[in-house]
Structures are given as C-alpha cells and as structure tokens.
Amino acid sequence: MAKLEKRADMYVSTLRRFIKAMGGELEIVARFPDRDVRIRTFRDLGKRPPA
C-alpha cells in the first residue's frame, strides 16, 4: 500500500475518533446510479459488497 493511502486513511481515522468522542458517527458514502457504497477505510474501495 502506498504511503499516501496510509496517510489519508490515518486522517479519516483521526476525524472518525474525534467525531465519536463528541457522540457522533462519521460515514463516507460513495453514491453510484445503481447503489451506494459505505466506505470504512480506503482499502474498502476495491471490494464489492456481497450480492
């Protein structure tokens, strides 16, 4: 995995922790014409959800 991908994920993870500490939840959703994909980490981008 490239350093940039790890670093970008770290920033999202940090933001997620801050939001969780305030009682919230961070969701990143990629919206496509046929479906929505909830992204937990950037590694999830290459995975397809179960049919």
PDB file of N, CA and C in Angstrom:
ATOM      1  N   MET A   1       0.847  -1.178   0.000  1.00  0.00           N
ATOM      2  CA  MET A   1       0.000   0.000   0.000  1.00  0.00           C
ATOM      3  C   MET A   1       0.894   1.243   0.000  1.00  0.00           C
ATOM      4  N   ALA A   2       0.529   2.210  -0.764  1.00  0.00           N
ATOM      5  CA  ALA A   2       1.315   3.431  -0.884  1.00  0.00           C
ATOM      6  C   ALA A   2       1.248   4.241   0.402  1.00  0.00           C
ATOM      7  N   LYS A   3       2.315   4.982   0.689  1.00  0.00           N
ATOM      8  CA  LYS A   3       2.339   5.817   1.895  1.00  0.00           C
ATOM      9  C   LYS A   3       1.195   6.820   1.907  1.00  0.00           C
ATOM     10  N   LEU A   4       0.871   7.378   0.747  1.00  0.00           N
ATOM     11  CA  LEU A   4      -0.205   8.366   0.685  1.00  0.00           C
ATOM     12  C   LEU A   4      -1.536   7.750   1.104  1.00  0.00           C
ATOM     13  N   GLU A   5      -1.807   6.522   0.666  1.00  0.00           N
ATOM     14  CA  GLU A   5      -3.060   5.870   1.057  1.00  0.00           C
ATOM     15  C   GLU A   5      -3.100   5.667   2.562  1.00  0.00           C
ATOM     16  N   LYS A   6      -2.012   5.221   3.142  1.00  0.00           N
ATOM     17  CA  LYS A   6      -1.976   5.024   4.596  1.00  0.00           C
ATOM     18  C   LYS A   6      -2.172   6.347   5.318  1.00  0.00           C
ATOM     19  N   ARG A   7      -1.522   7.387   4.842  1.00  0.00           N
ATOM     20  CA  ARG A   7      -1.633   8.696   5.480  1.00  0.00           C
ATOM     21  C   ARG A   7      -3.055   9.243   5.360  1.00  0.00           C
ATOM     22  N   ALA A   8      -3.657   9.144   4.195  1.00  0.00           N
ATOM     23  CA  ALA A   8      -5.019   9.635   4.014  1.00  0.00           C
ATOM     24  C   ALA A   8      -5.977   8.886   4.922  1.00  0.00           C
ATOM     25  N   ASP A   9      -5.811   7.581   5.038  1.00  0.00           N
ATOM     26  CA  ASP A   9      -6.674   6.793   5.910  1.00  0.00           C
ATOM     27  C   ASP A   9      -6.468   7.200   7.365  1.00  0.00           C
ATOM     28  N   MET A  10      -5.258   7.522   7.722  1.00  0.00           N
ATOM     29  CA  MET A  10      -4.994   7.945   9.089  1.00  0.00           C
ATOM     30  C   MET A  10      -5.773   9.222   9.398  1.00  0.00           C
ATOM     31  N   TYR A  11      -5.824  10.148   8.489  1.00  0.00           N
ATOM     32  CA  TYR A  11      -6.574  11.378   8.722  1.00  0.00           C
ATOM     33  C   TYR A  11      -8.063  11.099   8.892  1.00  0.00           C
ATOM     34  N   VAL A  12      -8.620  10.234   8.083  1.00  0.00           N
ATOM     35  CA  VAL A  12     -10.036   9.871   8.215  1.00  0.00           C
ATOM     36  C   VAL A  12     -10.256   9.164   9.547  1.00  0.00           C
ATOM     37  N   SER A  13      -9.351   8.294   9.918  1.00  0.00           N
ATOM     38  CA  SER A  13      -9.475   7.586  11.195  1.00  0.00           C
ATOM     39  C   SER A  13      -9.416   8.560  12.363  1.00  0.00           C
ATOM     40  N   THR A  14      -8.545   9.545  12.282  1.00  0.00           N
ATOM     41  CA  THR A  14      -8.456  10.551  13.334  1.00  0.00           C
ATOM     42  C   THR A  14      -9.744  11.351  13.417  1.00  0.00           C
ATOM     43  N   LEU A  15     -10.262  11.771  12.268  1.00  0.00           N
ATOM     44  CA  LEU A  15     -11.524  12.508  12.246  1.00  0.00           C
ATOM     45  C   LEU A  15     -12.650  11.657  12.814  1.00  0.00           C
ATOM     46  N   ARG A  16     -12.676  10.376  12.466  1.00  0.00           N
ATOM     47  CA  ARG A  16     -13.706   9.461  12.983  1.00  0.00           C
ATOM     48  C   ARG A  16     -13.633   9.395  14.509  1.00  0.00           C
ATOM     49  N   ARG A  17     -12.422   9.319  15.069  1.00  0.00           N
ATOM     50  CA  ARG A  17     -12.272   9.260  16.533  1.00  0.00           C
ATOM     51  C   ARG A  17     -12.753  10.544  17.190  1.00  0.00           C
ATOM     52  N   PHE A  18     -12.403  11.700  16.616  1.00  0.00           N
ATOM     53  CA  PHE A  18     -12.868  12.969  17.171  1.00  0.00           C
ATOM     54  C   PHE A  18     -14.389  13.039  17.177  1.00  0.00           C
ATOM     55  N   ILE A  19     -14.997  12.670  16.081  1.00  0.00           N
ATOM     56  CA  ILE A  19     -16.457  12.724  15.979  1.00  0.00           C
ATOM     57  C   ILE A  19     -17.096  11.740  16.953  1.00  0.00           C
ATOM     58  N   LYS A  20     -16.520  10.548  17.070  1.00  0.00           N
ATOM     59  CA  LYS A  20     -17.050   9.553  18.013  1.00  0.00           C
ATOM     60  C   LYS A  20     -16.955  10.075  19.444  1.00  0.00           C
ATOM     61  N   ALA A  21     -15.854  10.750  19.774  1.00  0.00           N
ATOM     62  CA  ALA A  21     -15.683  11.314  21.124  1.00  0.00           C
ATOM     63  C   ALA A  21     -16.736  12.369  21.430  1.00  0.00           C
ATOM     64  N   MET A  22     -17.276  12.998  20.386  1.00  0.00           N
ATOM     65  CA  MET A  22     -18.320  14.003  20.572  1.00  0.00           C
ATOM     66  C   MET A  22     -19.713  13.392  20.501  1.00  0.00           C
ATOM     67  N   GLY A  23     -19.779  12.056  20.394  1.00  0.00           N
ATOM     68  CA  GLY A  23     -21.064  11.375  20.386  1.00  0.00           C
ATOM     69  C   GLY A  23     -21.649  11.146  19.007  1.00  0.00           C
ATOM     70  N   GLY A  24     -20.859  11.406  17.957  1.00  0.00           N
ATOM     71  CA  GLY A  24     -21.361  11.235  16.596  1.00  0.00           C
ATOM     72  C   GLY A  24     -20.741  10.046  15.895  1.00  0.00           C
ATOM     73  N   GLU A  25     -21.057   9.929  14.628  1.00  0.00           N
ATOM     74  CA  GLU A  25     -20.515   8.859  13.796  1.00  0.00           C
ATOM     75  C   GLU A  25     -20.217   9.437  12.414  1.00  0.00           C
ATOM     76  N   LEU A  26     -19.022   9.161  11.923  1.00  0.00           N
ATOM     77  CA  LEU A  26     -18.630   9.621  10.597  1.00  0.00           C
ATOM     78  C   LEU A  26     -18.931   8.535   9.579  1.00  0.00           C
ATOM     79  N   GLU A  27     -19.622   8.911   8.507  1.00  0.00           N
ATOM     80  CA  GLU A  27     -19.877   7.983   7.411  1.00  0.00           C
ATOM     81  C   GLU A  27     -19.422   8.623   6.113  1.00  0.00           C
ATOM     82  N   ILE A  28     -18.705   7.847   5.308  1.00  0.00           N
ATOM     83  CA  ILE A  28     -18.320   8.286   3.971  1.00  0.00           C
ATOM     84  C   ILE A  28     -19.022   7.337   3.011  1.00  0.00           C
ATOM     85  N   VAL A  29     -19.833   7.901   2.142  1.00  0.00           N
ATOM     86  CA  VAL A  29     -20.623   7.092   1.219  1.00  0.00           C
ATOM     87  C   VAL A  29     -20.351   7.535  -0.206  1.00  0.00           C
ATOM     88  N   ALA A  30     -19.995   6.570  -1.056  1.00  0.00           N
ATOM     89  CA  ALA A  30     -19.855   6.833  -2.490  1.00  0.00           C
ATOM     90  C   ALA A  30     -21.187   6.453  -3.133  1.00  0.00           C
ATOM     91  N   ARG A  31     -21.799   7.382  -3.818  1.00  0.00           N
ATOM     92  CA  ARG A  31     -23.113   7.140  -4.427  1.00  0.00           C
ATOM     93  C   ARG A  31     -22.956   6.911  -5.928  1.00  0.00           C
ATOM     94  N   PHE A  32     -23.482   5.780  -6.378  1.00  0.00           N
ATOM     95  CA  PHE A  32     -23.473   5.404  -7.778  1.00  0.00           C
ATOM     96  C   PHE A  32     -24.915   5.271  -8.246  1.00  0.00           C
ATOM     97  N   PRO A  33     -25.162   5.303  -9.550  1.00  0.00           N
ATOM     98  CA  PRO A  33     -26.541   5.198 -10.039  1.00  0.00           C
ATOM     99  C   PRO A  33     -27.264   3.934  -9.556  1.00  0.00           C
ATOM    100  N   ASP A  34     -26.525   2.835  -9.420  1.00  0.00           N
ATOM    101  CA  ASP A  34     -27.182   1.575  -9.065  1.00  0.00           C
ATOM    102  C   ASP A  34     -27.052   1.174  -7.599  1.00  0.00           C
ATOM    103  N   ARG A  35     -26.190   1.886  -6.834  1.00  0.00           N
ATOM    104  CA  ARG A  35     -26.012   1.508  -5.425  1.00  0.00           C
ATOM    105  C   ARG A  35     -25.191   2.552  -4.694  1.00  0.00           C
ATOM    106  N   ASP A  36     -25.238   2.498  -3.374  1.00  0.00           N
ATOM    107  CA  ASP A  36     -24.385   3.303  -2.512  1.00  0.00           C
ATOM    108  C   ASP A  36     -23.360   2.376  -1.873  1.00  0.00           C
ATOM    109  N   VAL A  37     -22.156   2.876  -1.677  1.00  0.00           N
ATOM    110  CA  VAL A  37     -21.105   2.089  -1.039  1.00  0.00           C
ATOM    111  C   VAL A  37     -20.608   2.871   0.168  1.00  0.00           C
ATOM    112  N   ARG A  38     -20.765   2.292   1.343  1.00  0.00           N
ATOM    113  CA  ARG A  38     -20.266   2.909   2.578  1.00  0.00           C
ATOM    114  C   ARG A  38     -18.796   2.530   2.718  1.00  0.00           C
ATOM    115  N   ILE A  39     -17.941   3.523   2.886  1.00  0.00           N
ATOM    116  CA  ILE A  39     -16.500   3.298   2.944  1.00  0.00           C
ATOM    117  C   ILE A  39     -16.032   3.458   4.383  1.00  0.00           C
ATOM    118  N   ARG A  40     -15.486   2.396   4.921  1.00  0.00           N
ATOM    119  CA  ARG A  40     -14.930   2.445   6.284  1.00  0.00           C
ATOM    120  C   ARG A  40     -13.455   2.824   6.228  1.00  0.00           C
ATOM    121  N   THR A  41     -12.712   2.234   5.292  1.00  0.00           N
ATOM    122  CA  THR A  41     -11.315   2.595   5.049  1.00  0.00           C
ATOM    123  C   THR A  41     -11.131   2.667   3.547  1.00  0.00           C
ATOM    124  N   PHE A  42     -10.081   3.302   3.116  1.00  0.00           N
ATOM    125  CA  PHE A  42      -9.867   3.420   1.682  1.00  0.00           C
ATOM    126  C   PHE A  42      -9.515   2.080   1.052  1.00  0.00           C
ATOM    127  N   ARG A  43      -9.095   1.116   1.849  1.00  0.00           N
ATOM    128  CA  ARG A  43      -8.849  -0.230   1.322  1.00  0.00           C
ATOM    129  C   ARG A  43     -10.148  -0.855   0.849  1.00  0.00           C
ATOM    130  N   ASP A  44     -11.294  -0.417   1.406  1.00  0.00           N
ATOM    131  CA  ASP A  44     -12.596  -0.957   1.024  1.00  0.00           C
ATOM    132  C   ASP A  44     -13.000  -0.584  -0.406  1.00  0.00           C
ATOM    133  N   LEU A  45     -12.332   0.400  -0.984  1.00  0.00           N
ATOM    134  CA  LEU A  45     -12.739   0.883  -2.311  1.00  0.00           C
ATOM    135  C   LEU A  45     -12.663  -0.215  -3.365  1.00  0.00           C
ATOM    136  N   GLY A  46     -11.752  -1.154  -3.242  1.00  0.00           N
ATOM    137  CA  GLY A  46     -11.613  -2.217  -4.243  1.00  0.00           C
ATOM    138  C   GLY A  46     -12.522  -3.408  -3.991  1.00  0.00           C
ATOM    139  N   LYS A  47     -13.237  -3.404  -2.888  1.00  0.00           N
ATOM    140  CA  LYS A  47     -14.090  -4.536  -2.528  1.00  0.00           C
ATOM    141  C   LYS A  47     -15.519  -4.305  -2.997  1.00  0.00           C
ATOM    142  N   ARG A  48     -16.157  -5.357  -3.443  1.00  0.00           N
ATOM    143  CA  ARG A  48     -17.570  -5.280  -3.817  1.00  0.00           C
ATOM    144  C   ARG A  48     -18.401  -5.850  -2.685  1.00  0.00           C
ATOM    145  N   PRO A  49     -19.537  -5.257  -2.390  1.00  0.00           N
ATOM    146  CA  PRO A  49     -20.388  -5.805  -1.317  1.00  0.00           C
ATOM    147  C   PRO A  49     -20.973  -7.139  -1.757  1.00  0.00           C
ATOM    148  N   PRO A  50     -21.307  -8.000  -0.794  1.00  0.00           N
ATOM    149  CA  PRO A  50     -21.916  -9.286  -1.155  1.00  0.00           C
ATOM    150  C   PRO A  50     -23.225  -9.072  -1.893  1.00  0.00           C
ATOM    151  N   ALA A  51     -23.502  -9.939  -2.841  1.00  0.00           N
ATOM    152  CA  ALA A  51     -24.741  -9.817  -3.654  1.00  0.00           C
ATOM    153  C   ALA A  51     -25.951 -10.237  -2.871  1.00  0.00           C
TER     154      ALA A  51
END
